[in-house]
Amino acid sequence: IKAQAAEKWREFSVLGKLHNLCIHSRSSTNIHNNFKAKIGRELPRDNDIRWNSWFRLIDVAI
């Protein structure tokens, strides 16, 4: 199911890849801590409820 979900998000091109990066960065504690140590921030998760969640994700990624 995870592979199918990732494939679905890739259809959204750059935004889909950014979403998948965010999901992957939170897939385990070790990956999350390494990502946060190298970047200095966390990528906020996008969701369907908060309209500005995509804006925040893109803003942090840039």
PDB file of N, CA and C in Angstrom:
ATOM      1  N   ILE A   1       0.832  -1.195   0.000  1.00  0.00           N
ATOM      2  CA  ILE A   1       0.000   0.000   0.000  1.00  0.00           C
ATOM      3  C   ILE A   1       0.871   1.251   0.000  1.00  0.00           C
ATOM      4  N   LYS A   2       1.976   1.245   0.722  1.00  0.00           N
ATOM      5  CA  LYS A   2       2.833   2.421   0.767  1.00  0.00           C
ATOM      6  C   LYS A   2       3.390   2.752  -0.610  1.00  0.00           C
ATOM      7  N   ALA A   3       3.787   1.739  -1.362  1.00  0.00           N
ATOM      8  CA  ALA A   3       4.319   1.974  -2.704  1.00  0.00           C
ATOM      9  C   ALA A   3       3.246   2.560  -3.612  1.00  0.00           C
ATOM     10  N   GLN A   4       2.016   2.078  -3.480  1.00  0.00           N
ATOM     11  CA  GLN A   4       0.921   2.608  -4.290  1.00  0.00           C
ATOM     12  C   GLN A   4       0.620   4.056  -3.922  1.00  0.00           C
ATOM     13  N   ALA A   5       0.666   4.364  -2.634  1.00  0.00           N
ATOM     14  CA  ALA A   5       0.411   5.737  -2.190  1.00  0.00           C
ATOM     15  C   ALA A   5       1.511   6.666  -2.682  1.00  0.00           C
ATOM     16  N   ALA A   6       2.758   6.229  -2.609  1.00  0.00           N
ATOM     17  CA  ALA A   6       3.872   7.054  -3.080  1.00  0.00           C
ATOM     18  C   ALA A   6       3.755   7.290  -4.580  1.00  0.00           C
ATOM     19  N   GLU A   7       3.371   6.260  -5.310  1.00  0.00           N
ATOM     20  CA  GLU A   7       3.197   6.387  -6.757  1.00  0.00           C
ATOM     21  C   GLU A   7       2.092   7.383  -7.083  1.00  0.00           C
ATOM     22  N   LYS A   8       1.013   7.356  -6.320  1.00  0.00           N
ATOM     23  CA  LYS A   8      -0.100   8.294  -6.517  1.00  0.00           C
ATOM     24  C   LYS A   8       0.374   9.727  -6.315  1.00  0.00           C
ATOM     25  N   TRP A   9       1.164   9.951  -5.263  1.00  0.00           N
ATOM     26  CA  TRP A   9       1.640  11.300  -4.984  1.00  0.00           C
ATOM     27  C   TRP A   9       2.632  11.781  -6.034  1.00  0.00           C
ATOM     28  N   ARG A  10       3.391  10.873  -6.646  1.00  0.00           N
ATOM     29  CA  ARG A  10       4.347  11.273  -7.684  1.00  0.00           C
ATOM     30  C   ARG A  10       3.646  11.861  -8.892  1.00  0.00           C
ATOM     31  N   GLU A  11       2.384  11.529  -9.076  1.00  0.00           N
ATOM     32  CA  GLU A  11       1.622  12.093 -10.190  1.00  0.00           C
ATOM     33  C   GLU A  11       1.497  13.607 -10.073  1.00  0.00           C
ATOM     34  N   PHE A  12       1.678  14.147  -8.870  1.00  0.00           N
ATOM     35  CA  PHE A  12       1.601  15.585  -8.658  1.00  0.00           C
ATOM     36  C   PHE A  12       2.939  16.265  -8.904  1.00  0.00           C
ATOM     37  N   SER A  13       3.876  15.570  -9.523  1.00  0.00           N
ATOM     38  CA  SER A  13       5.177  16.093  -9.914  1.00  0.00           C
ATOM     39  C   SER A  13       5.978  16.560  -8.708  1.00  0.00           C
ATOM     40  N   VAL A  14       6.416  17.795  -8.718  1.00  0.00           N
ATOM     41  CA  VAL A  14       7.301  18.304  -7.670  1.00  0.00           C
ATOM     42  C   VAL A  14       6.623  18.285  -6.304  1.00  0.00           C
ATOM     43  N   LEU A  15       5.373  18.660  -6.234  1.00  0.00           N
ATOM     44  CA  LEU A  15       4.669  18.647  -4.952  1.00  0.00           C
ATOM     45  C   LEU A  15       4.528  17.231  -4.410  1.00  0.00           C
ATOM     46  N   GLY A  16       4.308  16.289  -5.286  1.00  0.00           N
ATOM     47  CA  GLY A  16       4.226  14.897  -4.862  1.00  0.00           C
ATOM     48  C   GLY A  16       5.550  14.389  -4.327  1.00  0.00           C
ATOM     49  N   LYS A  17       6.634  14.772  -4.981  1.00  0.00           N
ATOM     50  CA  LYS A  17       7.960  14.370  -4.505  1.00  0.00           C
ATOM     51  C   LYS A  17       8.265  15.013  -3.159  1.00  0.00           C
ATOM     52  N   LEU A  18       7.867  16.258  -2.993  1.00  0.00           N
ATOM     53  CA  LEU A  18       8.064  16.939  -1.714  1.00  0.00           C
ATOM     54  C   LEU A  18       7.252  16.250  -0.618  1.00  0.00           C
ATOM     55  N   HIS A  19       6.027  15.885  -0.924  1.00  0.00           N
ATOM     56  CA  HIS A  19       5.188  15.152   0.032  1.00  0.00           C
ATOM     57  C   HIS A  19       5.858  13.835   0.423  1.00  0.00           C
ATOM     58  N   ASN A  20       6.353  13.088  -0.569  1.00  0.00           N
ATOM     59  CA  ASN A  20       7.010  11.810  -0.290  1.00  0.00           C
ATOM     60  C   ASN A  20       8.272  12.007   0.543  1.00  0.00           C
ATOM     61  N   LEU A  21       9.015  13.081   0.294  1.00  0.00           N
ATOM     62  CA  LEU A  21      10.201  13.380   1.097  1.00  0.00           C
ATOM     63  C   LEU A  21       9.808  13.642   2.544  1.00  0.00           C
ATOM     64  N   CYS A  22       8.742  14.380   2.740  1.00  0.00           N
ATOM     65  CA  CYS A  22       8.253  14.664   4.088  1.00  0.00           C
ATOM     66  C   CYS A  22       7.845  13.377   4.800  1.00  0.00           C
ATOM     67  N   ILE A  23       7.125  12.521   4.115  1.00  0.00           N
ATOM     68  CA  ILE A  23       6.690  11.249   4.700  1.00  0.00           C
ATOM     69  C   ILE A  23       7.899  10.374   5.016  1.00  0.00           C
ATOM     70  N   HIS A  24       8.852  10.311   4.089  1.00  0.00           N
ATOM     71  CA  HIS A  24      10.047   9.486   4.311  1.00  0.00           C
ATOM     72  C   HIS A  24      10.868  10.015   5.481  1.00  0.00           C
ATOM     73  N   SER A  25      10.957  11.338   5.609  1.00  0.00           N
ATOM     74  CA  SER A  25      11.768  11.913   6.694  1.00  0.00           C
ATOM     75  C   SER A  25      11.192  11.593   8.070  1.00  0.00           C
ATOM     76  N   ARG A  26       9.931  11.193   8.120  1.00  0.00           N
ATOM     77  CA  ARG A  26       9.299  10.841   9.396  1.00  0.00           C
ATOM     78  C   ARG A  26       9.040   9.337   9.523  1.00  0.00           C
ATOM     79  N   SER A  27       9.612   8.556   8.627  1.00  0.00           N
ATOM     80  CA  SER A  27       9.315   7.121   8.623  1.00  0.00           C
ATOM     81  C   SER A  27       9.963   6.356   9.769  1.00  0.00           C
ATOM     82  N   SER A  28      11.036   6.889  10.320  1.00  0.00           N
ATOM     83  CA  SER A  28      11.641   6.273  11.506  1.00  0.00           C
ATOM     84  C   SER A  28      12.307   7.364  12.335  1.00  0.00           C
ATOM     85  N   THR A  29      12.531   7.075  13.583  1.00  0.00           N
ATOM     86  CA  THR A  29      13.151   8.058  14.475  1.00  0.00           C
ATOM     87  C   THR A  29      14.559   8.393  14.018  1.00  0.00           C
ATOM     88  N   ASN A  30      15.302   7.391  13.585  1.00  0.00           N
ATOM     89  CA  ASN A  30      16.677   7.607  13.146  1.00  0.00           C
ATOM     90  C   ASN A  30      16.734   8.512  11.912  1.00  0.00           C
ATOM     91  N   ILE A  31      15.913   8.216  10.916  1.00  0.00           N
ATOM     92  CA  ILE A  31      15.872   9.048   9.710  1.00  0.00           C
ATOM     93  C   ILE A  31      15.428  10.461  10.068  1.00  0.00           C
ATOM     94  N   HIS A  32      14.422  10.569  10.913  1.00  0.00           N
ATOM     95  CA  HIS A  32      13.901  11.876  11.319  1.00  0.00           C
ATOM     96  C   HIS A  32      14.984  12.709  12.011  1.00  0.00           C
ATOM     97  N   ASN A  33      15.699  12.103  12.945  1.00  0.00           N
ATOM     98  CA  ASN A  33      16.742  12.832  13.673  1.00  0.00           C
ATOM     99  C   ASN A  33      17.898  13.225  12.763  1.00  0.00           C
ATOM    100  N   ASN A  34      18.312  12.341  11.855  1.00  0.00           N
ATOM    101  CA  ASN A  34      19.385  12.675  10.911  1.00  0.00           C
ATOM    102  C   ASN A  34      18.964  13.800   9.976  1.00  0.00           C
ATOM    103  N   PHE A  35      17.744  13.732   9.476  1.00  0.00           N
ATOM    104  CA  PHE A  35      17.230  14.765   8.584  1.00  0.00           C
ATOM    105  C   PHE A  35      17.195  16.110   9.300  1.00  0.00           C
ATOM    106  N   LYS A  36      16.677  16.105  10.519  1.00  0.00           N
ATOM    107  CA  LYS A  36      16.565  17.344  11.293  1.00  0.00           C
ATOM    108  C   LYS A  36      17.947  17.908  11.633  1.00  0.00           C
ATOM    109  N   ALA A  37      18.916  17.047  11.928  1.00  0.00           N
ATOM    110  CA  ALA A  37      20.267  17.501  12.253  1.00  0.00           C
ATOM    111  C   ALA A  37      20.940  18.144  11.039  1.00  0.00           C
ATOM    112  N   LYS A  38      20.731  17.584   9.858  1.00  0.00           N
ATOM    113  CA  LYS A  38      21.363  18.120   8.650  1.00  0.00           C
ATOM    114  C   LYS A  38      20.673  19.375   8.145  1.00  0.00           C
ATOM    115  N   ILE A  39      19.363  19.406   8.211  1.00  0.00           N
ATOM    116  CA  ILE A  39      18.593  20.534   7.687  1.00  0.00           C
ATOM    117  C   ILE A  39      18.415  21.636   8.725  1.00  0.00           C
ATOM    118  N   GLY A  40      18.291  21.241   9.984  1.00  0.00           N
ATOM    119  CA  GLY A  40      18.088  22.220  11.044  1.00  0.00           C
ATOM    120  C   GLY A  40      16.623  22.513  11.320  1.00  0.00           C
ATOM    121  N   ARG A  41      15.746  21.903  10.537  1.00  0.00           N
ATOM    122  CA  ARG A  41      14.300  22.082  10.708  1.00  0.00           C
ATOM    123  C   ARG A  41      13.587  20.798  10.350  1.00  0.00           C
ATOM    124  N   GLU A  42      12.324  20.739  10.715  1.00  0.00           N
ATOM    125  CA  GLU A  42      11.469  19.634  10.305  1.00  0.00           C
ATOM    126  C   GLU A  42      10.598  20.102   9.150  1.00  0.00           C
ATOM    127  N   LEU A  43      10.304  19.203   8.241  1.00  0.00           N
ATOM    128  CA  LEU A  43       9.324  19.524   7.215  1.00  0.00           C
ATOM    129  C   LEU A  43       7.939  19.310   7.807  1.00  0.00           C
ATOM    130  N   PRO A  44       7.104  20.345   7.820  1.00  0.00           N
ATOM    131  CA  PRO A  44       5.749  20.159   8.350  1.00  0.00           C
ATOM    132  C   PRO A  44       4.939  19.281   7.406  1.00  0.00           C
ATOM    133  N   ARG A  45       4.076  18.456   7.968  1.00  0.00           N
ATOM    134  CA  ARG A  45       3.259  17.570   7.139  1.00  0.00           C
ATOM    135  C   ARG A  45       2.095  18.317   6.540  1.00  0.00           C
ATOM    136  N   ASP A  46       1.860  18.055   5.279  1.00  0.00           N
ATOM    137  CA  ASP A  46       0.679  18.610   4.627  1.00  0.00           C
ATOM    138  C   ASP A  46      -0.519  17.748   5.002  1.00  0.00           C
ATOM    139  N   ASN A  47      -1.695  18.354   4.996  1.00  0.00           N
ATOM    140  CA  ASN A  47      -2.908  17.595   5.285  1.00  0.00           C
ATOM    141  C   ASN A  47      -4.099  18.240   4.591  1.00  0.00           C
ATOM    142  N   ASP A  48      -5.225  17.576   4.655  1.00  0.00           N
ATOM    143  CA  ASP A  48      -6.430  18.065   3.972  1.00  0.00           C
ATOM    144  C   ASP A  48      -7.232  19.055   4.799  1.00  0.00           C
ATOM    145  N   ILE A  49      -6.970  19.125   6.093  1.00  0.00           N
ATOM    146  CA  ILE A  49      -7.795  19.947   6.976  1.00  0.00           C
ATOM    147  C   ILE A  49      -7.321  21.399   7.001  1.00  0.00           C
ATOM    148  N   ARG A  50      -6.046  21.601   7.096  1.00  0.00           N
ATOM    149  CA  ARG A  50      -5.518  22.972   7.165  1.00  0.00           C
ATOM    150  C   ARG A  50      -5.100  23.429   5.770  1.00  0.00           C
ATOM    151  N   TRP A  51      -5.747  24.469   5.287  1.00  0.00           N
ATOM    152  CA  TRP A  51      -5.514  24.918   3.927  1.00  0.00           C
ATOM    153  C   TRP A  51      -4.097  25.426   3.716  1.00  0.00           C
ATOM    154  N   ASN A  52      -3.452  25.933   4.768  1.00  0.00           N
ATOM    155  CA  ASN A  52      -2.116  26.495   4.599  1.00  0.00           C
ATOM    156  C   ASN A  52      -1.004  25.485   4.864  1.00  0.00           C
ATOM    157  N   SER A  53      -1.343  24.220   5.072  1.00  0.00           N
ATOM    158  CA  SER A  53      -0.308  23.226   5.361  1.00  0.00           C
ATOM    159  C   SER A  53       0.623  23.026   4.166  1.00  0.00           C
ATOM    160  N   TRP A  54       0.085  23.075   2.949  1.00  0.00           N
ATOM    161  CA  TRP A  54       0.940  22.971   1.765  1.00  0.00           C
ATOM    162  C   TRP A  54       1.844  24.189   1.658  1.00  0.00           C
ATOM    163  N   PHE A  55       1.314  25.364   1.952  1.00  0.00           N
ATOM    164  CA  PHE A  55       2.127  26.578   1.913  1.00  0.00           C
ATOM    165  C   PHE A  55       3.290  26.479   2.889  1.00  0.00           C
ATOM    166  N   ARG A  56       3.014  26.017   4.111  1.00  0.00           N
ATOM    167  CA  ARG A  56       4.068  25.885   5.120  1.00  0.00           C
ATOM    168  C   ARG A  56       5.121  24.872   4.685  1.00  0.00           C
ATOM    169  N   LEU A  57       4.682  23.754   4.112  1.00  0.00           N
ATOM    170  CA  LEU A  57       5.614  22.733   3.640  1.00  0.00           C
ATOM    171  C   LEU A  57       6.519  23.299   2.549  1.00  0.00           C
ATOM    172  N   ILE A  58       5.946  23.985   1.586  1.00  0.00           N
ATOM    173  CA  ILE A  58       6.728  24.574   0.494  1.00  0.00           C
ATOM    174  C   ILE A  58       7.651  25.658   1.022  1.00  0.00           C
ATOM    175  N   ASP A  59       7.162  26.491   1.926  1.00  0.00           N
ATOM    176  CA  ASP A  59       7.960  27.575   2.497  1.00  0.00           C
ATOM    177  C   ASP A  59       9.191  27.039   3.224  1.00  0.00           C
ATOM    178  N   VAL A  60       9.031  26.005   4.010  1.00  0.00           N
ATOM    179  CA  VAL A  60      10.162  25.414   4.730  1.00  0.00           C
ATOM    180  C   VAL A  60      11.116  24.737   3.749  1.00  0.00           C
ATOM    181  N   ALA A  61      10.576  24.083   2.730  1.00  0.00           N
ATOM    182  CA  ALA A  61      11.415  23.378   1.760  1.00  0.00           C
ATOM    183  C   ALA A  61      12.279  24.338   0.947  1.00  0.00           C
ATOM    184  N   ILE A  62      11.751  25.510   0.673  1.00  0.00           N
ATOM    185  CA  ILE A  62      12.513  26.486  -0.119  1.00  0.00           C
ATOM    186  C   ILE A  62      13.590  27.086   0.738  1.00  0.00           C
TER     187      ILE A  62
END
